[in-house]
Amino acid sequence: MGNPEPEQEIVEHKVRRAVGLNALRKIGEIVAEERQADDDNARALRWFARYGWMILVGGALLLAYLMGVI
């Protein structure tokens, strides 16, 4: 009869490896989601930097017009 310990060690090693790979996959998904959120925020900030001043000036002109300044 063979010694069951080497077989059990092999199974345990495969289980640990599978669990480790699954954990790495989940971590990769979380990092990808955070990176996408950061990219979206950066895109919004670039848009405000590019066009926000025009909206601010337009709003100020409209306010001045409604107040009768211009």
PDB file of N, CA and C in Angstrom:
ATOM      1  N   MET A   1       0.839  -1.167   0.000  1.00  0.00           N
ATOM      2  CA  MET A   1       0.000   0.000   0.000  1.00  0.00           C
ATOM      3  C   MET A   1       0.885   1.231   0.000  1.00  0.00           C
ATOM      4  N   GLY A   2       0.492   2.193  -0.819  1.00  0.00           N
ATOM      5  CA  GLY A   2       1.283   3.408  -0.949  1.00  0.00           C
ATOM      6  C   GLY A   2       1.029   4.368   0.207  1.00  0.00           C
ATOM      7  N   ASN A   3       1.957   5.252   0.366  1.00  0.00           N
ATOM      8  CA  ASN A   3       1.850   6.267   1.414  1.00  0.00           C
ATOM      9  C   ASN A   3       0.924   7.388   0.927  1.00  0.00           C
ATOM     10  N   PRO A   4      -0.181   7.684   1.613  1.00  0.00           N
ATOM     11  CA  PRO A   4      -1.132   8.692   1.141  1.00  0.00           C
ATOM     12  C   PRO A   4      -0.636  10.136   1.304  1.00  0.00           C
ATOM     13  N   GLU A   5       0.423  10.314   2.084  1.00  0.00           N
ATOM     14  CA  GLU A   5       0.903  11.676   2.324  1.00  0.00           C
ATOM     15  C   GLU A   5       1.372  12.396   1.057  1.00  0.00           C
ATOM     16  N   PRO A   6       2.172  11.801   0.183  1.00  0.00           N
ATOM     17  CA  PRO A   6       2.587  12.520  -1.025  1.00  0.00           C
ATOM     18  C   PRO A   6       1.396  12.914  -1.905  1.00  0.00           C
ATOM     19  N   GLU A   7       0.388  12.039  -2.012  1.00  0.00           N
ATOM     20  CA  GLU A   7      -0.791  12.372  -2.805  1.00  0.00           C
ATOM     21  C   GLU A   7      -1.545  13.548  -2.181  1.00  0.00           C
ATOM     22  N   GLN A   8      -1.656  13.521  -0.877  1.00  0.00           N
ATOM     23  CA  GLN A   8      -2.364  14.604  -0.179  1.00  0.00           C
ATOM     24  C   GLN A   8      -1.597  15.914  -0.331  1.00  0.00           C
ATOM     25  N   GLU A   9      -0.271  15.848  -0.275  1.00  0.00           N
ATOM     26  CA  GLU A   9       0.534  17.050  -0.459  1.00  0.00           C
ATOM     27  C   GLU A   9       0.358  17.620  -1.865  1.00  0.00           C
ATOM     28  N   ILE A  10       0.291  16.750  -2.843  1.00  0.00           N
ATOM     29  CA  ILE A  10       0.092  17.194  -4.226  1.00  0.00           C
ATOM     30  C   ILE A  10      -1.263  17.879  -4.361  1.00  0.00           C
ATOM     31  N   VAL A  11      -2.300  17.275  -3.783  1.00  0.00           N
ATOM     32  CA  VAL A  11      -3.635  17.864  -3.838  1.00  0.00           C
ATOM     33  C   VAL A  11      -3.649  19.213  -3.131  1.00  0.00           C
ATOM     34  N   GLU A  12      -3.038  19.276  -1.950  1.00  0.00           N
ATOM     35  CA  GLU A  12      -3.004  20.532  -1.196  1.00  0.00           C
ATOM     36  C   GLU A  12      -2.250  21.611  -1.979  1.00  0.00           C
ATOM     37  N   HIS A  13      -1.169  21.213  -2.620  1.00  0.00           N
ATOM     38  CA  HIS A  13      -0.402  22.170  -3.425  1.00  0.00           C
ATOM     39  C   HIS A  13      -1.250  22.705  -4.582  1.00  0.00           C
ATOM     40  N   LYS A  14      -1.981  21.821  -5.258  1.00  0.00           N
ATOM     41  CA  LYS A  14      -2.832  22.245  -6.370  1.00  0.00           C
ATOM     42  C   LYS A  14      -3.957  23.152  -5.885  1.00  0.00           C
ATOM     43  N   VAL A  15      -4.513  22.841  -4.724  1.00  0.00           N
ATOM     44  CA  VAL A  15      -5.583  23.687  -4.161  1.00  0.00           C
ATOM     45  C   VAL A  15      -5.031  25.063  -3.821  1.00  0.00           C
ATOM     46  N   ARG A  16      -3.865  25.105  -3.165  1.00  0.00           N
ATOM     47  CA  ARG A  16      -3.260  26.400  -2.807  1.00  0.00           C
ATOM     48  C   ARG A  16      -2.961  27.219  -4.058  1.00  0.00           C
ATOM     49  N   ARG A  17      -2.486  26.553  -5.096  1.00  0.00           N
ATOM     50  CA  ARG A  17      -2.173  27.250  -6.341  1.00  0.00           C
ATOM     51  C   ARG A  17      -3.445  27.800  -6.984  1.00  0.00           C
ATOM     52  N   ALA A  18      -4.492  26.990  -6.999  1.00  0.00           N
ATOM     53  CA  ALA A  18      -5.760  27.440  -7.583  1.00  0.00           C
ATOM     54  C   ALA A  18      -6.334  28.620  -6.801  1.00  0.00           C
ATOM     55  N   VAL A  19      -6.264  28.546  -5.484  1.00  0.00           N
ATOM     56  CA  VAL A  19      -6.770  29.640  -4.652  1.00  0.00           C
ATOM     57  C   VAL A  19      -5.936  30.896  -4.889  1.00  0.00           C
ATOM     58  N   GLY A  20      -4.640  30.740  -4.983  1.00  0.00           N
ATOM     59  CA  GLY A  20      -3.761  31.887  -5.236  1.00  0.00           C
ATOM     60  C   GLY A  20      -4.033  32.525  -6.592  1.00  0.00           C
ATOM     61  N   LEU A  21      -4.219  31.714  -7.616  1.00  0.00           N
ATOM     62  CA  LEU A  21      -4.521  32.250  -8.951  1.00  0.00           C
ATOM     63  C   LEU A  21      -5.868  32.962  -8.967  1.00  0.00           C
ATOM     64  N   ASN A  22      -6.848  32.401  -8.274  1.00  0.00           N
ATOM     65  CA  ASN A  22      -8.157  33.028  -8.196  1.00  0.00           C
ATOM     66  C   ASN A  22      -8.057  34.380  -7.481  1.00  0.00           C
ATOM     67  N   ALA A  23      -7.283  34.432  -6.400  1.00  0.00           N
ATOM     68  CA  ALA A  23      -7.108  35.690  -5.679  1.00  0.00           C
ATOM     69  C   ALA A  23      -6.420  36.728  -6.554  1.00  0.00           C
ATOM     70  N   LEU A  24      -5.402  36.327  -7.289  1.00  0.00           N
ATOM     71  CA  LEU A  24      -4.722  37.255  -8.196  1.00  0.00           C
ATOM     72  C   LEU A  24      -5.661  37.762  -9.284  1.00  0.00           C
ATOM     73  N   ARG A  25      -6.515  36.901  -9.793  1.00  0.00           N
ATOM     74  CA  ARG A  25      -7.481  37.295 -10.824  1.00  0.00           C
ATOM     75  C   ARG A  25      -8.448  38.338 -10.261  1.00  0.00           C
ATOM     76  N   LYS A  26      -8.938  38.111  -9.033  1.00  0.00           N
ATOM     77  CA  LYS A  26      -9.859  39.071  -8.405  1.00  0.00           C
ATOM     78  C   LYS A  26      -9.161  40.404  -8.136  1.00  0.00           C
ATOM     79  N   ILE A  27      -7.930  40.354  -7.685  1.00  0.00           N
ATOM     80  CA  ILE A  27      -7.170  41.585  -7.452  1.00  0.00           C
ATOM     81  C   ILE A  27      -6.985  42.333  -8.760  1.00  0.00           C
ATOM     82  N   GLY A  28      -6.679  41.608  -9.830  1.00  0.00           N
ATOM     83  CA  GLY A  28      -6.532  42.238 -11.145  1.00  0.00           C
ATOM     84  C   GLY A  28      -7.807  42.924 -11.594  1.00  0.00           C
ATOM     85  N   GLU A  29      -8.965  42.307 -11.340  1.00  0.00           N
ATOM     86  CA  GLU A  29     -10.242  42.922 -11.702  1.00  0.00           C
ATOM     87  C   GLU A  29     -10.478  44.199 -10.907  1.00  0.00           C
ATOM     88  N   ILE A  30     -10.159  44.166  -9.620  1.00  0.00           N
ATOM     89  CA  ILE A  30     -10.341  45.349  -8.769  1.00  0.00           C
ATOM     90  C   ILE A  30      -9.442  46.480  -9.242  1.00  0.00           C
ATOM     91  N   VAL A  31      -8.198  46.161  -9.549  1.00  0.00           N
ATOM     92  CA  VAL A  31      -7.257  47.180 -10.024  1.00  0.00           C
ATOM     93  C   VAL A  31      -7.734  47.759 -11.357  1.00  0.00           C
ATOM     94  N   ALA A  32      -8.241  46.915 -12.243  1.00  0.00           N
ATOM     95  CA  ALA A  32      -8.741  47.395 -13.535  1.00  0.00           C
ATOM     96  C   ALA A  32      -9.927  48.336 -13.345  1.00  0.00           C
ATOM     97  N   GLU A  33     -10.831  48.009 -12.420  1.00  0.00           N
ATOM     98  CA  GLU A  33     -11.978  48.873 -12.145  1.00  0.00           C
ATOM     99  C   GLU A  33     -11.524  50.227 -11.592  1.00  0.00           C
ATOM    100  N   GLU A  34     -10.563  50.205 -10.676  1.00  0.00           N
ATOM    101  CA  GLU A  34     -10.061  51.456 -10.103  1.00  0.00           C
ATOM    102  C   GLU A  34      -9.343  52.290 -11.162  1.00  0.00           C
ATOM    103  N   ARG A  35      -8.598  51.635 -12.027  1.00  0.00           N
ATOM    104  CA  ARG A  35      -7.899  52.346 -13.096  1.00  0.00           C
ATOM    105  C   ARG A  35      -8.905  52.996 -14.053  1.00  0.00           C
ATOM    106  N   GLN A  36      -9.995  52.277 -14.351  1.00  0.00           N
ATOM    107  CA  GLN A  36     -11.032  52.829 -15.226  1.00  0.00           C
ATOM    108  C   GLN A  36     -11.700  54.032 -14.563  1.00  0.00           C
ATOM    109  N   ALA A  37     -11.960  53.946 -13.255  1.00  0.00           N
ATOM    110  CA  ALA A  37     -12.562  55.075 -12.544  1.00  0.00           C
ATOM    111  C   ALA A  37     -11.622  56.273 -12.548  1.00  0.00           C
ATOM    112  N   ASP A  38     -10.335  56.030 -12.352  1.00  0.00           N
ATOM    113  CA  ASP A  38      -9.352  57.121 -12.395  1.00  0.00           C
ATOM    114  C   ASP A  38      -9.296  57.750 -13.783  1.00  0.00           C
ATOM    115  N   ASP A  39      -9.362  56.928 -14.818  1.00  0.00           N
ATOM    116  CA  ASP A  39      -9.360  57.449 -16.190  1.00  0.00           C
ATOM    117  C   ASP A  39     -10.597  58.304 -16.456  1.00  0.00           C
ATOM    118  N   ASP A  40     -11.744  57.859 -15.947  1.00  0.00           N
ATOM    119  CA  ASP A  40     -12.981  58.630 -16.127  1.00  0.00           C
ATOM    120  C   ASP A  40     -12.891  59.977 -15.413  1.00  0.00           C
ATOM    121  N   ASN A  41     -12.351  59.969 -14.199  1.00  0.00           N
ATOM    122  CA  ASN A  41     -12.193  61.225 -13.454  1.00  0.00           C
ATOM    123  C   ASN A  41     -11.229  62.163 -14.160  1.00  0.00           C
ATOM    124  N   ALA A  42     -10.147  61.630 -14.677  1.00  0.00           N
ATOM    125  CA  ALA A  42      -9.174  62.463 -15.389  1.00  0.00           C
ATOM    126  C   ALA A  42      -9.797  63.045 -16.649  1.00  0.00           C
ATOM    127  N   ARG A  43     -10.609  62.260 -17.337  1.00  0.00           N
ATOM    128  CA  ARG A  43     -11.284  62.753 -18.546  1.00  0.00           C
ATOM    129  C   ARG A  43     -12.226  63.902 -18.192  1.00  0.00           C
ATOM    130  N   ALA A  44     -12.978  63.767 -17.103  1.00  0.00           N
ATOM    131  CA  ALA A  44     -13.898  64.832 -16.680  1.00  0.00           C
ATOM    132  C   ALA A  44     -13.127  66.095 -16.291  1.00  0.00           C
ATOM    133  N   LEU A  45     -12.023  65.934 -15.586  1.00  0.00           N
ATOM    134  CA  LEU A  45     -11.225  67.099 -15.196  1.00  0.00           C
ATOM    135  C   LEU A  45     -10.630  67.794 -16.414  1.00  0.00           C
ATOM    136  N   ARG A  46     -10.181  67.014 -17.402  1.00  0.00           N
ATOM    137  CA  ARG A  46      -9.669  67.624 -18.630  1.00  0.00           C
ATOM    138  C   ARG A  46     -10.762  68.403 -19.347  1.00  0.00           C
ATOM    139  N   TRP A  47     -11.980  67.853 -19.365  1.00  0.00           N
ATOM    140  CA  TRP A  47     -13.086  68.537 -20.011  1.00  0.00           C
ATOM    141  C   TRP A  47     -13.362  69.869 -19.315  1.00  0.00           C
ATOM    142  N   PHE A  48     -13.402  69.860 -17.973  1.00  0.00           N
ATOM    143  CA  PHE A  48     -13.649  71.103 -17.236  1.00  0.00           C
ATOM    144  C   PHE A  48     -12.520  72.099 -17.439  1.00  0.00           C
ATOM    145  N   ALA A  49     -11.304  71.634 -17.497  1.00  0.00           N
ATOM    146  CA  ALA A  49     -10.183  72.547 -17.728  1.00  0.00           C
ATOM    147  C   ALA A  49     -10.244  73.133 -19.131  1.00  0.00           C
ATOM    148  N   ARG A  50     -10.706  72.346 -20.081  1.00  0.00           N
ATOM    149  CA  ARG A  50     -10.757  72.790 -21.463  1.00  0.00           C
ATOM    150  C   ARG A  50     -11.956  73.698 -21.732  1.00  0.00           C
ATOM    151  N   TYR A  51     -13.125  73.362 -21.200  1.00  0.00           N
ATOM    152  CA  TYR A  51     -14.345  74.088 -21.547  1.00  0.00           C
ATOM    153  C   TYR A  51     -15.004  74.809 -20.368  1.00  0.00           C
ATOM    154  N   GLY A  52     -14.588  74.514 -19.166  1.00  0.00           N
ATOM    155  CA  GLY A  52     -15.219  75.100 -17.987  1.00  0.00           C
ATOM    156  C   GLY A  52     -15.094  76.615 -17.931  1.00  0.00           C
ATOM    157  N   TRP A  53     -13.967  77.156 -18.369  1.00  0.00           N
ATOM    158  CA  TRP A  53     -13.786  78.602 -18.324  1.00  0.00           C
ATOM    159  C   TRP A  53     -14.772  79.295 -19.263  1.00  0.00           C
ATOM    160  N   MET A  54     -15.106  78.658 -20.387  1.00  0.00           N
ATOM    161  CA  MET A  54     -16.076  79.255 -21.311  1.00  0.00           C
ATOM    162  C   MET A  54     -17.469  79.304 -20.675  1.00  0.00           C
ATOM    163  N   ILE A  55     -17.819  78.247 -19.983  1.00  0.00           N
ATOM    164  CA  ILE A  55     -19.116  78.209 -19.303  1.00  0.00           C
ATOM    165  C   ILE A  55     -19.151  79.263 -18.199  1.00  0.00           C
ATOM    166  N   LEU A  56     -18.059  79.407 -17.469  1.00  0.00           N
ATOM    167  CA  LEU A  56     -17.983  80.406 -16.404  1.00  0.00           C
ATOM    168  C   LEU A  56     -18.113  81.821 -16.967  1.00  0.00           C
ATOM    169  N   VAL A  57     -17.414  82.112 -18.040  1.00  0.00           N
ATOM    170  CA  VAL A  57     -17.497  83.438 -18.668  1.00  0.00           C
ATOM    171  C   VAL A  57     -18.903  83.666 -19.211  1.00  0.00           C
ATOM    172  N   GLY A  58     -19.481  82.666 -19.853  1.00  0.00           N
ATOM    173  CA  GLY A  58     -20.837  82.779 -20.369  1.00  0.00           C
ATOM    174  C   GLY A  58     -21.841  83.037 -19.258  1.00  0.00           C
ATOM    175  N   GLY A  59     -21.685  82.340 -18.145  1.00  0.00           N
ATOM    176  CA  GLY A  59     -22.570  82.552 -17.004  1.00  0.00           C
ATOM    177  C   GLY A  59     -22.421  83.951 -16.433  1.00  0.00           C
ATOM    178  N   ALA A  60     -21.185  84.427 -16.339  1.00  0.00           N
ATOM    179  CA  ALA A  60     -20.947  85.776 -15.823  1.00  0.00           C
ATOM    180  C   ALA A  60     -21.551  86.823 -16.758  1.00  0.00           C
ATOM    181  N   LEU A  61     -21.416  86.639 -18.082  1.00  0.00           N
ATOM    182  CA  LEU A  61     -22.010  87.566 -19.043  1.00  0.00           C
ATOM    183  C   LEU A  61     -23.536  87.549 -18.957  1.00  0.00           C
ATOM    184  N   LEU A  62     -24.118  86.383 -18.813  1.00  0.00           N
ATOM    185  CA  LEU A  62     -25.566  86.278 -18.684  1.00  0.00           C
ATOM    186  C   LEU A  62     -26.041  86.956 -17.408  1.00  0.00           C
ATOM    187  N   LEU A  63     -25.350  86.746 -16.335  1.00  0.00           N
ATOM    188  CA  LEU A  63     -25.699  87.396 -15.064  1.00  0.00           C
ATOM    189  C   LEU A  63     -25.576  88.912 -15.200  1.00  0.00           C
ATOM    190  N   ALA A  64     -24.515  89.397 -15.818  1.00  0.00           N
ATOM    191  CA  ALA A  64     -24.335  90.828 -16.000  1.00  0.00           C
ATOM    192  C   ALA A  64     -25.438  91.409 -16.878  1.00  0.00           C
ATOM    193  N   TYR A  65     -25.832  90.647 -17.897  1.00  0.00           N
ATOM    194  CA  TYR A  65     -26.903  91.102 -18.798  1.00  0.00           C
ATOM    195  C   TYR A  65     -28.238  91.172 -18.039  1.00  0.00           C
ATOM    196  N   LEU A  66     -28.516  90.131 -17.244  1.00  0.00           N
ATOM    197  CA  LEU A  66     -29.777  90.135 -16.482  1.00  0.00           C
ATOM    198  C   LEU A  66     -29.806  91.218 -15.424  1.00  0.00           C
ATOM    199  N   MET A  67     -28.644  91.583 -14.880  1.00  0.00           N
ATOM    200  CA  MET A  67     -28.579  92.649 -13.872  1.00  0.00           C
ATOM    201  C   MET A  67     -28.596  94.027 -14.516  1.00  0.00           C
ATOM    202  N   GLY A  68     -28.459  94.098 -15.830  1.00  0.00           N
ATOM    203  CA  GLY A  68     -28.497  95.366 -16.531  1.00  0.00           C
ATOM    204  C   GLY A  68     -27.156  96.069 -16.614  1.00  0.00           C
ATOM    205  N   VAL A  69     -26.091  95.373 -16.284  1.00  0.00           N
ATOM    206  CA  VAL A  69     -24.762  95.968 -16.329  1.00  0.00           C
ATOM    207  C   VAL A  69     -24.325  96.149 -17.779  1.00  0.00           C
ATOM    208  N   ILE A  70     -24.684  95.220 -18.630  1.00  0.00           N
ATOM    209  CA  ILE A  70     -24.339  95.333 -20.053  1.00  0.00           C
ATOM    210  C   ILE A  70     -25.593  95.281 -20.907  1.00  0.00           C
TER     211      ILE A  70
END
